[in-house]
């Protein structure tokens, strides 16, 4: 699944266009490197999102095209 779509489906970023713009601006890192919106997300990837005051670092646990609101938290685990 594309990175911008993953960020939207997992509800880390509210809109896909915002996720796409964040990737283009270099605010989303995968494995410590700036990632394009077209990057294919795989379970085990480490994603850093630098939007706002505090950066968010997560590990991808699950990849799926669709998710219910209750399932969104199962897609990732937060790393401190």
Protein backbone atom coordinates (compact mmCIF):
# COMPACT_ATOMS: atom_id res chain seq x y z
CA UNK A 1 0.00 0.00 0.00
CA UNK A 2 1.21 3.52 -0.75
CA UNK A 3 2.57 5.53 2.18
CA UNK A 4 0.10 8.41 1.80
CA UNK A 5 -2.85 6.00 1.76
CA UNK A 6 -1.48 4.08 4.77
CA UNK A 7 -1.22 7.31 6.79
CA UNK A 8 -4.86 8.08 6.00
CA UNK A 9 -6.27 4.57 6.56
CA UNK A 10 -4.43 4.23 9.88
CA UNK A 11 -5.76 7.67 10.83
CA UNK A 12 -2.30 9.08 11.59
CA UNK A 13 -3.06 11.92 9.17
CA UNK A 14 -6.66 12.93 8.52
CA UNK A 15 -6.57 13.48 4.74
CA UNK A 16 -4.62 11.77 1.98
CA UNK A 17 -3.74 15.09 0.32
CA UNK A 18 -2.22 16.33 3.60
CA UNK A 19 -0.23 13.07 3.85
CA UNK A 20 0.95 13.53 0.26
CA UNK A 21 2.05 17.12 0.96
CA UNK A 22 3.87 16.05 4.15
CA UNK A 23 5.79 13.43 2.15
CA UNK A 24 6.69 15.96 -0.56
CA UNK A 25 7.95 18.39 2.12
CA UNK A 26 10.24 15.72 3.62
CA UNK A 27 8.32 15.55 6.92
CA UNK A 28 7.76 11.79 6.70
CA UNK A 29 10.76 9.48 7.12
CA UNK A 30 10.86 5.71 6.66
CA UNK A 31 13.90 4.01 8.10
CA UNK A 32 15.51 7.41 8.73
CA UNK A 33 15.25 8.55 5.10
CA UNK A 34 12.76 10.93 3.51
CA UNK A 35 10.06 8.90 1.78
CA UNK A 36 7.90 9.69 -1.20
CA UNK A 37 4.12 9.27 -1.06
CA UNK A 38 4.42 6.33 -3.46
CA UNK A 39 6.65 4.31 -1.09
CA UNK A 40 5.22 0.78 -0.56
CA UNK A 41 4.64 0.31 3.19
CA UNK A 42 5.45 -3.10 4.66
CA UNK A 43 4.94 -4.51 8.18
CA UNK A 44 8.01 -3.77 10.29
CA UNK A 45 8.76 -0.37 8.68
CA UNK A 46 9.63 2.45 11.09
CA UNK A 47 7.87 5.70 10.12
CA UNK A 48 8.64 9.13 11.63
CA UNK A 49 6.12 11.93 11.11
CA UNK A 50 7.29 15.46 11.88
CA UNK A 51 4.12 17.55 11.97
CA UNK A 52 3.58 19.95 14.85
CA UNK A 53 5.45 20.20 18.14
CA UNK A 54 6.38 16.58 18.79
CA UNK A 55 7.54 14.09 16.16
CA UNK A 56 5.73 10.75 16.09
CA UNK A 57 7.65 7.51 15.57
CA UNK A 58 5.72 4.33 14.82
CA UNK A 59 6.31 0.74 13.73
CA UNK A 60 3.97 -0.65 11.08
CA UNK A 61 2.17 -3.76 12.39
CA UNK A 62 -0.51 -4.35 9.78
CA UNK A 63 -1.28 -3.17 6.24
CA UNK A 64 -4.83 -3.24 4.89
CA UNK A 65 -6.72 -1.24 2.28
CA UNK A 66 -9.69 -0.52 4.56
CA UNK A 67 -10.18 -0.16 8.28
CA UNK A 68 -12.97 0.60 10.67
CA UNK A 69 -12.41 3.34 13.22
CA UNK A 70 -11.90 0.75 15.97
CA UNK A 71 -9.28 -1.17 13.93
CA UNK A 72 -7.07 1.82 13.05
CA UNK A 73 -4.97 1.53 16.21
CA UNK A 74 -4.01 -2.06 15.26
CA UNK A 75 -2.13 -0.80 12.20
CA UNK A 76 0.82 0.59 14.17
CA UNK A 77 2.58 0.71 17.54
CA UNK A 78 4.12 3.91 18.91
CA UNK A 79 7.87 3.93 19.60
CA UNK A 80 9.28 6.37 22.15
